[in-house]
PDB file of all heavy atoms in Angstrom:
ATOM      1  N   GLY A   1     110.208 106.484 101.518  1.00  0.00           N
ATOM      2  CA  GLY A   1     111.111 106.348 100.390  1.00  0.00           C
ATOM      3  C   GLY A   1     112.578 106.389 100.752  1.00  0.00           C
ATOM      4  O   GLY A   1     113.431 106.143  99.890  1.00  0.00           O
ATOM      5  N   ARG A   2     112.901 106.668 102.012  1.00  0.00           N
ATOM      6  CA  ARG A   2     114.302 106.696 102.427  1.00  0.00           C
ATOM      7  C   ARG A   2     114.683 105.370 103.085  1.00  0.00           C
ATOM      8  O   ARG A   2     113.820 104.666 103.617  1.00  0.00           O
ATOM      9  CB  ARG A   2     114.536 107.853 103.392  1.00  0.00           C
ATOM     10  CG  ARG A   2     114.617 109.184 102.662  1.00  0.00           C
ATOM     11  CD  ARG A   2     115.033 110.301 103.560  1.00  0.00           C
ATOM     12  NE  ARG A   2     115.426 111.481 102.796  1.00  0.00           N
ATOM     13  CZ  ARG A   2     115.486 112.702 103.308  1.00  0.00           C
ATOM     14  NH1 ARG A   2     115.161 112.904 104.588  1.00  0.00           N
ATOM     15  NH2 ARG A   2     115.867 113.718 102.568  1.00  0.00           N
ATOM     16  N   PRO A   3     115.980 105.012 103.083  1.00  0.00           N
ATOM     17  CA  PRO A   3     116.397 103.735 103.670  1.00  0.00           C
ATOM     18  C   PRO A   3     115.997 103.614 105.134  1.00  0.00           C
ATOM     19  O   PRO A   3     116.147 104.556 105.919  1.00  0.00           O
ATOM     20  CB  PRO A   3     117.920 103.764 103.508  1.00  0.00           C
ATOM     21  CG  PRO A   3     118.169 104.681 102.352  1.00  0.00           C
ATOM     22  CD  PRO A   3     117.098 105.730 102.448  1.00  0.00           C
ATOM     23  N   HIS A   4     115.462 102.457 105.473  1.00  0.00           N
ATOM     24  CA  HIS A   4     115.103 102.113 106.849  1.00  0.00           C
ATOM     25  C   HIS A   4     114.127 103.125 107.443  1.00  0.00           C
ATOM     26  O   HIS A   4     114.138 103.383 108.649  1.00  0.00           O
ATOM     27  CB  HIS A   4     116.358 102.016 107.733  1.00  0.00           C
ATOM     28  CG  HIS A   4     117.437 101.198 107.107  1.00  0.00           C
ATOM     29  ND1 HIS A   4     118.756 101.605 107.032  1.00  0.00           N
ATOM     30  CD2 HIS A   4     117.387  99.997 106.469  1.00  0.00           C
ATOM     31  CE1 HIS A   4     119.464 100.678 106.404  1.00  0.00           C
ATOM     32  NE2 HIS A   4     118.658  99.701 106.062  1.00  0.00           N
ATOM     33  N   SER A   5     113.270 103.683 106.604  1.00  0.00           N
ATOM     34  CA  SER A   5     112.341 104.722 107.043  1.00  0.00           C
ATOM     35  C   SER A   5     111.010 104.543 106.338  1.00  0.00           C
ATOM     36  O   SER A   5     110.900 103.828 105.342  1.00  0.00           O
ATOM     37  CB  SER A   5     112.895 106.119 106.717  1.00  0.00           C
ATOM     38  OG  SER A   5     114.049 106.400 107.465  1.00  0.00           O
ATOM     39  N   GLY A   6     109.990 105.234 106.850  1.00  0.00           N
ATOM     40  CA  GLY A   6     108.728 105.280 106.143  1.00  0.00           C
ATOM     41  C   GLY A   6     107.524 105.236 107.046  1.00  0.00           C
ATOM     42  O   GLY A   6     107.629 105.170 108.278  1.00  0.00           O
ATOM     43  N   TYR A   7     106.359 105.298 106.411  1.00  0.00           N
ATOM     44  CA  TYR A   7     105.078 105.028 107.060  1.00  0.00           C
ATOM     45  C   TYR A   7     104.571 103.699 106.526  1.00  0.00           C
ATOM     46  O   TYR A   7     104.725 103.392 105.333  1.00  0.00           O
ATOM     47  CB  TYR A   7     104.030 106.111 106.762  1.00  0.00           C
ATOM     48  CG  TYR A   7     102.646 105.593 107.063  1.00  0.00           C
ATOM     49  CD1 TYR A   7     102.182 105.550 108.368  1.00  0.00           C
ATOM     50  CD2 TYR A   7     101.843 105.030 106.062  1.00  0.00           C
ATOM     51  CE1 TYR A   7     100.952 104.991 108.678  1.00  0.00           C
ATOM     52  CE2 TYR A   7     100.608 104.471 106.356  1.00  0.00           C
ATOM     53  CZ  TYR A   7     100.175 104.456 107.663  1.00  0.00           C
ATOM     54  OH  TYR A   7      98.964 103.877 107.973  1.00  0.00           O
ATOM     55  N   ALA A   8     103.900 102.907 107.394  1.00  0.00           N
ATOM     56  CA  ALA A   8     103.304 101.651 106.934  1.00  0.00           C
ATOM     57  C   ALA A   8     102.185 101.238 107.873  1.00  0.00           C
ATOM     58  O   ALA A   8     102.317 101.364 109.091  1.00  0.00           O
ATOM     59  CB  ALA A   8     104.352 100.539 106.868  1.00  0.00           C
ATOM     60  N   PRO A   9     101.081 100.719 107.324  1.00  0.00           N
ATOM     61  CA  PRO A   9     100.070 100.069 108.160  1.00  0.00           C
ATOM     62  C   PRO A   9     100.407  98.591 108.302  1.00  0.00           C
ATOM     63  O   PRO A   9     100.849  97.947 107.352  1.00  0.00           O
ATOM     64  CB  PRO A   9      98.783 100.258 107.349  1.00  0.00           C
ATOM     65  CG  PRO A   9      99.244 100.253 105.928  1.00  0.00           C
ATOM     66  CD  PRO A   9     100.642 100.824 105.918  1.00  0.00           C
ATOM     67  N   VAL A  10     100.211  98.063 109.491  1.00  0.00           N
ATOM     68  CA  VAL A  10     100.494  96.650 109.756  1.00  0.00           C
ATOM     69  C   VAL A  10      99.236  95.848 109.405  1.00  0.00           C
ATOM     70  O   VAL A  10      98.262  95.829 110.159  1.00  0.00           O
ATOM     71  CB  VAL A  10     100.892  96.433 111.229  1.00  0.00           C
ATOM     72  CG1 VAL A  10     101.215  94.959 111.477  1.00  0.00           C
ATOM     73  CG2 VAL A  10     102.099  97.304 111.581  1.00  0.00           C
ATOM     74  N   THR A  11      99.259  95.206 108.244  1.00  0.00           N
ATOM     75  CA  THR A  11      98.101  94.451 107.756  1.00  0.00           C
ATOM     76  C   THR A  11      97.756  93.334 108.727  1.00  0.00           C
ATOM     77  O   THR A  11      98.630  92.711 109.318  1.00  0.00           O
ATOM     78  CB  THR A  11      98.405  93.867 106.366  1.00  0.00           C
ATOM     79  OG1 THR A  11      98.821  94.925 105.507  1.00  0.00           O
ATOM     80  CG2 THR A  11      97.197  93.181 105.782  1.00  0.00           C
ATOM     81  N   GLY A  12      96.453  93.026 108.857  1.00  0.00           N
ATOM     82  CA  GLY A  12      96.010  92.061 109.859  1.00  0.00           C
ATOM     83  C   GLY A  12      95.734  90.668 109.325  1.00  0.00           C
ATOM     84  O   GLY A  12      96.390  89.701 109.702  1.00  0.00           O
ATOM     85  N   GLN A  13      94.741  90.519 108.438  1.00  0.00           N
ATOM     86  CA  GLN A  13      94.297  89.188 108.025  1.00  0.00           C
ATOM     87  C   GLN A  13      95.308  88.496 107.120  1.00  0.00           C
ATOM     88  O   GLN A  13      96.148  89.137 106.488  1.00  0.00           O
ATOM     89  CB  GLN A  13      92.952  89.291 107.296  1.00  0.00           C
ATOM     90  CG  GLN A  13      91.810  89.732 108.185  1.00  0.00           C
ATOM     91  CD  GLN A  13      90.479  89.599 107.482  1.00  0.00           C
ATOM     92  OE1 GLN A  13      89.922  88.517 107.381  1.00  0.00           O
ATOM     93  NE2 GLN A  13      89.953  90.709 106.997  1.00  0.00           N
ATOM     94  N   GLY A  14      95.172  87.171 107.032  1.00  0.00           N
ATOM     95  CA  GLY A  14      96.139  86.361 106.318  1.00  0.00           C
ATOM     96  C   GLY A  14      96.405  86.817 104.903  1.00  0.00           C
ATOM     97  O   GLY A  14      97.550  86.861 104.465  1.00  0.00           O
ATOM     98  N   ASN A  15      95.366  87.144 104.151  1.00  0.00           N
ATOM     99  CA  ASN A  15      95.554  87.718 102.817  1.00  0.00           C
ATOM    100  C   ASN A  15      94.866  89.069 102.751  1.00  0.00           C
ATOM    101  O   ASN A  15      94.239  89.413 101.750  1.00  0.00           O
ATOM    102  CB  ASN A  15      95.026  86.781 101.724  1.00  0.00           C
ATOM    103  CG  ASN A  15      95.568  87.137 100.350  1.00  0.00           C
ATOM    104  OD1 ASN A  15      96.669  87.654 100.221  1.00  0.00           O
ATOM    105  ND2 ASN A  15      94.790  86.864  99.316  1.00  0.00           N
ATOM    106  N   GLY A  16      94.992  89.822 103.835  1.00  0.00           N
ATOM    107  CA  GLY A  16      94.384  91.141 103.868  1.00  0.00           C
ATOM    108  C   GLY A  16      94.894  92.036 102.759  1.00  0.00           C
ATOM    109  O   GLY A  16      94.170  92.908 102.272  1.00  0.00           O
ATOM    110  N   GLN A  17      96.158  91.847 102.345  1.00  0.00           N
ATOM    111  CA  GLN A  17      96.701  92.641 101.246  1.00  0.00           C
ATOM    112  C   GLN A  17      96.153  92.167  99.904  1.00  0.00           C
ATOM    113  O   GLN A  17      95.495  92.905  99.189  1.00  0.00           O
ATOM    114  CB  GLN A  17      98.223  92.549 101.247  1.00  0.00           C
ATOM    115  CG  GLN A  17      98.898  93.356 100.162  1.00  0.00           C
ATOM    116  CD  GLN A  17      98.758  94.854 100.357  1.00  0.00           C
ATOM    117  OE1 GLN A  17      99.210  95.431 101.336  1.00  0.00           O
ATOM    118  NE2 GLN A  17      98.108  95.508  99.406  1.00  0.00           N
ATOM    119  N   GLY A  18      96.414  90.915  99.543  1.00  0.00           N
ATOM    120  CA  GLY A  18      95.943  90.420  98.249  1.00  0.00           C
ATOM    121  C   GLY A  18      94.441  90.388  98.140  1.00  0.00           C
ATOM    122  O   GLY A  18      93.875  90.574  97.053  1.00  0.00           O
ATOM    123  N   GLY A  19      93.758  90.166  99.261  1.00  0.00           N
ATOM    124  CA  GLY A  19      92.308  90.079  99.235  1.00  0.00           C
ATOM    125  C   GLY A  19      91.631  91.359  98.818  1.00  0.00           C
ATOM    126  O   GLY A  19      90.494  91.343  98.333  1.00  0.00           O
ATOM    127  N   ARG A  20      92.321  92.497  98.982  1.00  0.00           N
ATOM    128  CA  ARG A  20      91.707  93.761  98.599  1.00  0.00           C
ATOM    129  C   ARG A  20      92.179  94.266  97.247  1.00  0.00           C
ATOM    130  O   ARG A  20      91.804  95.363  96.832  1.00  0.00           O
ATOM    131  CB  ARG A  20      91.948  94.818  99.674  1.00  0.00           C
ATOM    132  CG  ARG A  20      93.377  95.313  99.851  1.00  0.00           C
ATOM    133  CD  ARG A  20      93.384  96.331 101.001  1.00  0.00           C
ATOM    134  NE  ARG A  20      94.655  96.985 101.235  1.00  0.00           N
ATOM    135  CZ  ARG A  20      95.589  96.559 102.074  1.00  0.00           C
ATOM    136  NH1 ARG A  20      95.407  95.421 102.719  1.00  0.00           N
ATOM    137  NH2 ARG A  20      96.704  97.236 102.276  1.00  0.00           N
ATOM    138  N   GLU A  21      92.999  93.492  96.552  1.00  0.00           N
ATOM    139  CA  GLU A  21      93.585  93.971  95.305  1.00  0.00           C
ATOM    140  C   GLU A  21      92.889  93.460  94.053  1.00  0.00           C
ATOM    141  O   GLU A  21      93.075  94.029  92.981  1.00  0.00           O
ATOM    142  CB  GLU A  21      95.058  93.527  95.232  1.00  0.00           C
ATOM    143  CG  GLU A  21      95.914  94.164  96.296  1.00  0.00           C
ATOM    144  CD  GLU A  21      97.283  93.513  96.419  1.00  0.00           C
ATOM    145  OE1 GLU A  21      97.546  92.528  95.689  1.00  0.00           O
ATOM    146  OE2 GLU A  21      98.068  93.988  97.242  1.00  0.00           O
ATOM    147  N   HIS A  22      92.093  92.418  94.158  1.00  0.00           N
ATOM    148  CA  HIS A  22      91.700  91.718  92.936  1.00  0.00           C
ATOM    149  C   HIS A  22      90.207  91.535  92.750  1.00  0.00           C
ATOM    150  O   HIS A  22      89.773  90.657  92.014  1.00  0.00           O
ATOM    151  CB  HIS A  22      92.429  90.382  92.867  1.00  0.00           C
ATOM    152  CG  HIS A  22      93.911  90.547  92.816  1.00  0.00           C
ATOM    153  ND1 HIS A  22      94.551  91.246  91.806  1.00  0.00           N
ATOM    154  CD2 HIS A  22      94.885  90.163  93.669  1.00  0.00           C
ATOM    155  CE1 HIS A  22      95.850  91.255  92.037  1.00  0.00           C
ATOM    156  NE2 HIS A  22      96.077  90.610  93.159  1.00  0.00           N
ATOM    157  N   GLY A  23      89.381  92.355  93.443  1.00  0.00           N
ATOM    158  CA  GLY A  23      87.990  92.387  93.043  1.00  0.00           C
ATOM    159  C   GLY A  23      86.945  92.126  94.098  1.00  0.00           C
ATOM    160  O   GLY A  23      85.754  92.153  93.798  1.00  0.00           O
ATOM    161  N   GLN A  24      87.341  91.892  95.356  1.00  0.00           N
ATOM    162  CA  GLN A  24      86.323  91.707  96.396  1.00  0.00           C
ATOM    163  C   GLN A  24      85.735  93.027  96.872  1.00  0.00           C
ATOM    164  O   GLN A  24      84.613  93.046  97.369  1.00  0.00           O
ATOM    165  CB  GLN A  24      86.912  90.987  97.617  1.00  0.00           C
ATOM    166  CG  GLN A  24      87.152  89.512  97.449  1.00  0.00           C
ATOM    167  CD  GLN A  24      87.462  88.842  98.768  1.00  0.00           C
ATOM    168  OE1 GLN A  24      86.594  88.259  99.404  1.00  0.00           O
ATOM    169  NE2 GLN A  24      88.706  88.926  99.190  1.00  0.00           N
ATOM    170  N   LYS A  25      86.492  94.108  96.779  1.00  0.00           N
ATOM    171  CA  LYS A  25      85.989  95.395  97.259  1.00  0.00           C
ATOM    172  C   LYS A  25      84.897  95.919  96.333  1.00  0.00           C
ATOM    173  O   LYS A  25      84.930  95.721  95.120  1.00  0.00           O
ATOM    174  CB  LYS A  25      87.130  96.404  97.364  1.00  0.00           C
ATOM    175  CG  LYS A  25      88.075  96.127  98.520  1.00  0.00           C
ATOM    176  CD  LYS A  25      89.207  97.129  98.569  1.00  0.00           C
ATOM    177  CE  LYS A  25      88.730  98.498  99.003  1.00  0.00           C
ATOM    178  NZ  LYS A  25      89.870  99.446  99.154  1.00  0.00           N
ATOM    179  N   CYS A  26      83.963  96.631  96.924  1.00  0.00           N
ATOM    180  CA  CYS A  26      82.754  97.028  96.200  1.00  0.00           C
ATOM    181  C   CYS A  26      83.018  97.999  95.059  1.00  0.00           C
ATOM    182  O   CYS A  26      82.190  98.143  94.161  1.00  0.00           O
ATOM    183  CB  CYS A  26      81.748  97.635  97.177  1.00  0.00           C
ATOM    184  SG  CYS A  26      82.271  99.205  97.918  1.00  0.00           S
ATOM    185  N   ASP A  27      84.178  98.659  95.075  1.00  0.00           N
ATOM    186  CA  ASP A  27      84.450  99.681  94.062  1.00  0.00           C
ATOM    187  C   ASP A  27      85.658  99.328  93.204  1.00  0.00           C
ATOM    188  O   ASP A  27      86.224 100.192  92.554  1.00  0.00           O
ATOM    189  CB  ASP A  27      84.696 101.031  94.742  1.00  0.00           C
ATOM    190  CG  ASP A  27      85.841 100.986  95.745  1.00  0.00           C
ATOM    191  OD1 ASP A  27      86.331  99.879  96.056  1.00  0.00           O
ATOM    192  OD2 ASP A  27      86.252 102.061  96.222  1.00  0.00           O
ATOM    193  N   GLN A  28      86.043  98.057  93.173  1.00  0.00           N
ATOM    194  CA  GLN A  28      87.345  97.714  92.651  1.00  0.00           C
ATOM    195  C   GLN A  28      87.320  96.539  91.689  1.00  0.00           C
ATOM    196  O   GLN A  28      86.540  95.602  91.857  1.00  0.00           O
ATOM    197  CB  GLN A  28      88.249  97.358  93.830  1.00  0.00           C
ATOM    198  CG  GLN A  28      89.713  97.575  93.584  1.00  0.00           C
ATOM    199  CD  GLN A  28      90.450  97.563  94.893  1.00  0.00           C
ATOM    200  OE1 GLN A  28      90.426  98.536  95.635  1.00  0.00           O
ATOM    201  NE2 GLN A  28      91.059  96.456  95.209  1.00  0.00           N
ATOM    202  N   LEU A  29      88.205  96.598  90.704  1.00  0.00           N
ATOM    203  CA  LEU A  29      88.451  95.502  89.782  1.00  0.00           C
ATOM    204  C   LEU A  29      89.862  94.957  90.014  1.00  0.00           C
ATOM    205  O   LEU A  29      90.661  95.584  90.714  1.00  0.00           O
ATOM    206  CB  LEU A  29      88.297  95.986  88.337  1.00  0.00           C
ATOM    207  CG  LEU A  29      86.868  96.298  87.880  1.00  0.00           C
ATOM    208  CD1 LEU A  29      86.882  97.024  86.539  1.00  0.00           C
ATOM    209  CD2 LEU A  29      86.028  95.026  87.798  1.00  0.00           C
ATOM    210  N   PRO A  30      90.207  93.803  89.437  1.00  0.00           N
ATOM    211  CA  PRO A  30      91.534  93.218  89.669  1.00  0.00           C
ATOM    212  C   PRO A  30      92.672  94.167  89.321  1.00  0.00           C
ATOM    213  O   PRO A  30      92.585  94.987  88.403  1.00  0.00           O
ATOM    214  CB  PRO A  30      91.530  91.995  88.751  1.00  0.00           C
ATOM    215  CG  PRO A  30      90.088  91.625  88.619  1.00  0.00           C
ATOM    216  CD  PRO A  30      89.342  92.920  88.632  1.00  0.00           C
ATOM    217  N   GLY A  31      93.778  94.024  90.067  1.00  0.00           N
ATOM    218  CA  GLY A  31      94.926  94.890  89.877  1.00  0.00           C
ATOM    219  C   GLY A  31      94.790  96.203  90.606  1.00  0.00           C
ATOM    220  O   GLY A  31      95.565  97.128  90.378  1.00  0.00           O
ATOM    221  N   TYR A  32      93.837  96.280  91.509  1.00  0.00           N
ATOM    222  CA  TYR A  32      93.533  97.507  92.253  1.00  0.00           C
ATOM    223  C   TYR A  32      93.028  98.599  91.325  1.00  0.00           C
ATOM    224  O   TYR A  32      93.246  99.791  91.540  1.00  0.00           O
ATOM    225  CB  TYR A  32      94.746  98.007  93.046  1.00  0.00           C
ATOM    226  CG  TYR A  32      94.416  98.430  94.460  1.00  0.00           C
ATOM    227  CD1 TYR A  32      95.123  97.949  95.540  1.00  0.00           C
ATOM    228  CD2 TYR A  32      93.389  99.325  94.718  1.00  0.00           C
ATOM    229  CE1 TYR A  32      94.826  98.334  96.832  1.00  0.00           C
ATOM    230  CE2 TYR A  32      93.078  99.725  96.004  1.00  0.00           C
ATOM    231  CZ  TYR A  32      93.803  99.231  97.062  1.00  0.00           C
ATOM    232  OH  TYR A  32      93.495  99.615  98.344  1.00  0.00           O
ATOM    233  N   ARG A  33      92.328  98.184  90.260  1.00  0.00           N
ATOM    234  CA  ARG A  33      91.725  99.149  89.344  1.00  0.00           C
ATOM    235  C   ARG A  33      90.390  99.623  89.905  1.00  0.00           C
ATOM    236  O   ARG A  33      89.699  98.887  90.596  1.00  0.00           O
ATOM    237  CB  ARG A  33      91.506  98.510  87.976  1.00  0.00           C
ATOM    238  CG  ARG A  33      92.781  98.287  87.174  1.00  0.00           C
ATOM    239  CD  ARG A  33      92.448  97.681  85.831  1.00  0.00           C
ATOM    240  NE  ARG A  33      93.494  97.907  84.857  1.00  0.00           N
ATOM    241  CZ  ARG A  33      94.501  97.061  84.636  1.00  0.00           C
ATOM    242  NH1 ARG A  33      94.564  95.931  85.326  1.00  0.00           N
ATOM    243  NH2 ARG A  33      95.425  97.343  83.733  1.00  0.00           N
ATOM    244  N   LYS A  34      90.019 100.840  89.562  1.00  0.00           N
ATOM    245  CA  LYS A  34      88.763 101.403  90.024  1.00  0.00           C
ATOM    246  C   LYS A  34      87.629 100.972  89.089  1.00  0.00           C
ATOM    247  O   LYS A  34      87.745 101.038  87.873  1.00  0.00           O
ATOM    248  CB  LYS A  34      88.841 102.926  90.073  1.00  0.00           C
ATOM    249  CG  LYS A  34      89.884 103.456  91.030  1.00  0.00           C
ATOM    250  CD  LYS A  34      89.580 103.098  92.470  1.00  0.00           C
ATOM    251  CE  LYS A  34      88.388 103.844  93.008  1.00  0.00           C
ATOM    252  NZ  LYS A  34      88.132 103.525  94.435  1.00  0.00           N
ATOM    253  N   LEU A  35      86.533 100.570  89.692  1.00  0.00           N
ATOM    254  CA  LEU A  35      85.400 100.064  88.923  1.00  0.00           C
ATOM    255  C   LEU A  35      84.729 101.145  88.086  1.00  0.00           C
ATOM    256  O   LEU A  35      84.080 100.848  87.071  1.00  0.00           O
ATOM    257  CB  LEU A  35      84.394  99.427  89.882  1.00  0.00           C
ATOM    258  CG  LEU A  35      83.222  98.646  89.306  1.00  0.00           C
ATOM    259  CD1 LEU A  35      83.691  97.568  88.346  1.00  0.00           C
ATOM    260  CD2 LEU A  35      82.409  98.033  90.435  1.00  0.00           C
ATOM    261  N   ASP A  36      84.890 102.395  88.472  1.00  0.00           N
ATOM    262  CA  ASP A  36      84.263 103.472  87.702  1.00  0.00           C
ATOM    263  C   ASP A  36      85.217 104.110  86.689  1.00  0.00           C
ATOM    264  O   ASP A  36      84.901 105.138  86.087  1.00  0.00           O
ATOM    265  CB  ASP A  36      83.686 104.538  88.633  1.00  0.00           C
ATOM    266  CG  ASP A  36      84.728 105.136  89.573  1.00  0.00           C
ATOM    267  OD1 ASP A  36      85.925 104.782  89.448  1.00  0.00           O
ATOM    268  OD2 ASP A  36      84.353 105.944  90.436  1.00  0.00           O
ATOM    269  N   ASP A  37      86.386 103.503  86.464  1.00  0.00           N
ATOM    270  CA  ASP A  37      87.353 103.986  85.481  1.00  0.00           C
ATOM    271  C   ASP A  37      87.066 103.307  84.141  1.00  0.00           C
ATOM    272  O   ASP A  37      87.178 102.083  84.021  1.00  0.00           O
ATOM    273  CB  ASP A  37      88.766 103.652  85.966  1.00  0.00           C
ATOM    274  CG  ASP A  37      89.846 104.067  84.977  1.00  0.00           C
ATOM    275  OD1 ASP A  37      89.521 104.450  83.833  1.00  0.00           O
ATOM    276  OD2 ASP A  37      91.031 103.986  85.337  1.00  0.00           O
ATOM    277  N   PRO A  38      86.695 104.052  83.103  1.00  0.00           N
ATOM    278  CA  PRO A  38      86.353 103.425  81.813  1.00  0.00           C
ATOM    279  C   PRO A  38      87.469 102.550  81.246  1.00  0.00           C
ATOM    280  O   PRO A  38      87.208 101.483  80.687  1.00  0.00           O
ATOM    281  CB  PRO A  38      86.063 104.622  80.903  1.00  0.00           C
ATOM    282  CG  PRO A  38      85.654 105.714  81.848  1.00  0.00           C
ATOM    283  CD  PRO A  38      86.469 105.507  83.080  1.00  0.00           C
ATOM    284  N   ASP A  39      88.728 102.995  81.376  1.00  0.00           N
ATOM    285  CA  ASP A  39      89.839 102.194  80.858  1.00  0.00           C
ATOM    286  C   ASP A  39      89.987 100.894  81.640  1.00  0.00           C
ATOM    287  O   ASP A  39      90.289  99.836  81.051  1.00  0.00           O
ATOM    288  CB  ASP A  39      91.140 102.990  80.920  1.00  0.00           C
ATOM    289  CG  ASP A  39      91.173 104.128  79.903  1.00  0.00           C
ATOM    290  OD1 ASP A  39      90.430 104.051  78.901  1.00  0.00           O
ATOM    291  OD2 ASP A  39      91.933 105.096  80.120  1.00  0.00           O
ATOM    292  N   ALA A  40      89.793 100.958  82.940  1.00  0.00           N
ATOM    293  CA  ALA A  40      89.873  99.747  83.763  1.00  0.00           C
ATOM    294  C   ALA A  40      88.771  98.772  83.380  1.00  0.00           C
ATOM    295  O   ALA A  40      89.001  97.557  83.262  1.00  0.00           O
ATOM    296  CB  ALA A  40      89.781 100.116  85.244  1.00  0.00           C
ATOM    297  N   ARG A  41      87.575  99.281  83.193  1.00  0.00           N
ATOM    298  CA  ARG A  41      86.450  98.430  82.810  1.00  0.00           C
ATOM    299  C   ARG A  41      86.718  97.762  81.459  1.00  0.00           C
ATOM    300  O   ARG A  41      86.444  96.567  81.274  1.00  0.00           O
ATOM    301  CB  ARG A  41      85.162  99.255  82.767  1.00  0.00           C
ATOM    302  CG  ARG A  41      84.731  99.794  84.120  1.00  0.00           C
ATOM    303  CD  ARG A  41      83.571 100.782  83.980  1.00  0.00           C
ATOM    304  NE  ARG A  41      82.362 100.130  83.480  1.00  0.00           N
ATOM    305  CZ  ARG A  41      81.457  99.550  84.247  1.00  0.00           C
ATOM    306  NH1 ARG A  41      81.626  99.494  85.560  1.00  0.00           N
ATOM    307  NH2 ARG A  41      80.373  99.002  83.720  1.00  0.00           N
ATOM    308  N   LYS A  42      87.263  98.541  80.532  1.00  0.00           N
ATOM    309  CA  LYS A  42      87.545  97.996  79.204  1.00  0.00           C
ATOM    310  C   LYS A  42      88.585  96.885  79.281  1.00  0.00           C
ATOM    311  O   LYS A  42      88.441  95.829  78.646  1.00  0.00           O
ATOM    312  CB  LYS A  42      88.021  99.124  78.290  1.00  0.00           C
ATOM    313  CG  LYS A  42      88.321  98.685  76.869  1.00  0.00           C
ATOM    314  CD  LYS A  42      88.753  99.884  76.019  1.00  0.00           C
ATOM    315  CE  LYS A  42      89.075  99.450  74.592  1.00  0.00           C
ATOM    316  NZ  LYS A  42      89.521 100.619  73.767  1.00  0.00           N
ATOM    317  N   HIS A  43      89.644  97.114  80.061  1.00  0.00           N
ATOM    318  CA  HIS A  43      90.711  96.116  80.163  1.00  0.00           C
ATOM    319  C   HIS A  43      90.193  94.816  80.771  1.00  0.00           C
ATOM    320  O   HIS A  43      90.414  93.731  80.215  1.00  0.00           O
ATOM    321  CB  HIS A  43      91.862  96.670  81.005  1.00  0.00           C
ATOM    322  CG  HIS A  43      92.947  95.668  81.258  1.00  0.00           C
ATOM    323  ND1 HIS A  43      94.004  95.473  80.402  1.00  0.00           N
ATOM    324  CD2 HIS A  43      93.126  94.780  82.275  1.00  0.00           C
ATOM    325  CE1 HIS A  43      94.783  94.520  80.863  1.00  0.00           C
ATOM    326  NE2 HIS A  43      94.281  94.077  82.003  1.00  0.00           N
ATOM    327  N   VAL A  44      89.517  94.905  81.911  1.00  0.00           N
ATOM    328  CA  VAL A  44      89.069  93.694  82.604  1.00  0.00           C
ATOM    329  C   VAL A  44      87.962  93.006  81.812  1.00  0.00           C
ATOM    330  O   VAL A  44      87.930  91.773  81.717  1.00  0.00           O
ATOM    331  CB  VAL A  44      88.621  94.031  84.039  1.00  0.00           C
ATOM    332  CG1 VAL A  44      88.011  92.797  84.718  1.00  0.00           C
ATOM    333  CG2 VAL A  44      89.804  94.544  84.858  1.00  0.00           C
TER     334      VAL A  44
END
């Protein structure tokens, strides 16, 4: 959170970031929502 500082993982695959945000993961819904969250399930 400070300027020019932080922790970060260096993502590997071409869409490794977006690919895990929108529903390919076994426990996840789009928007990085959790599949076992009732509000997330209702929205999607």
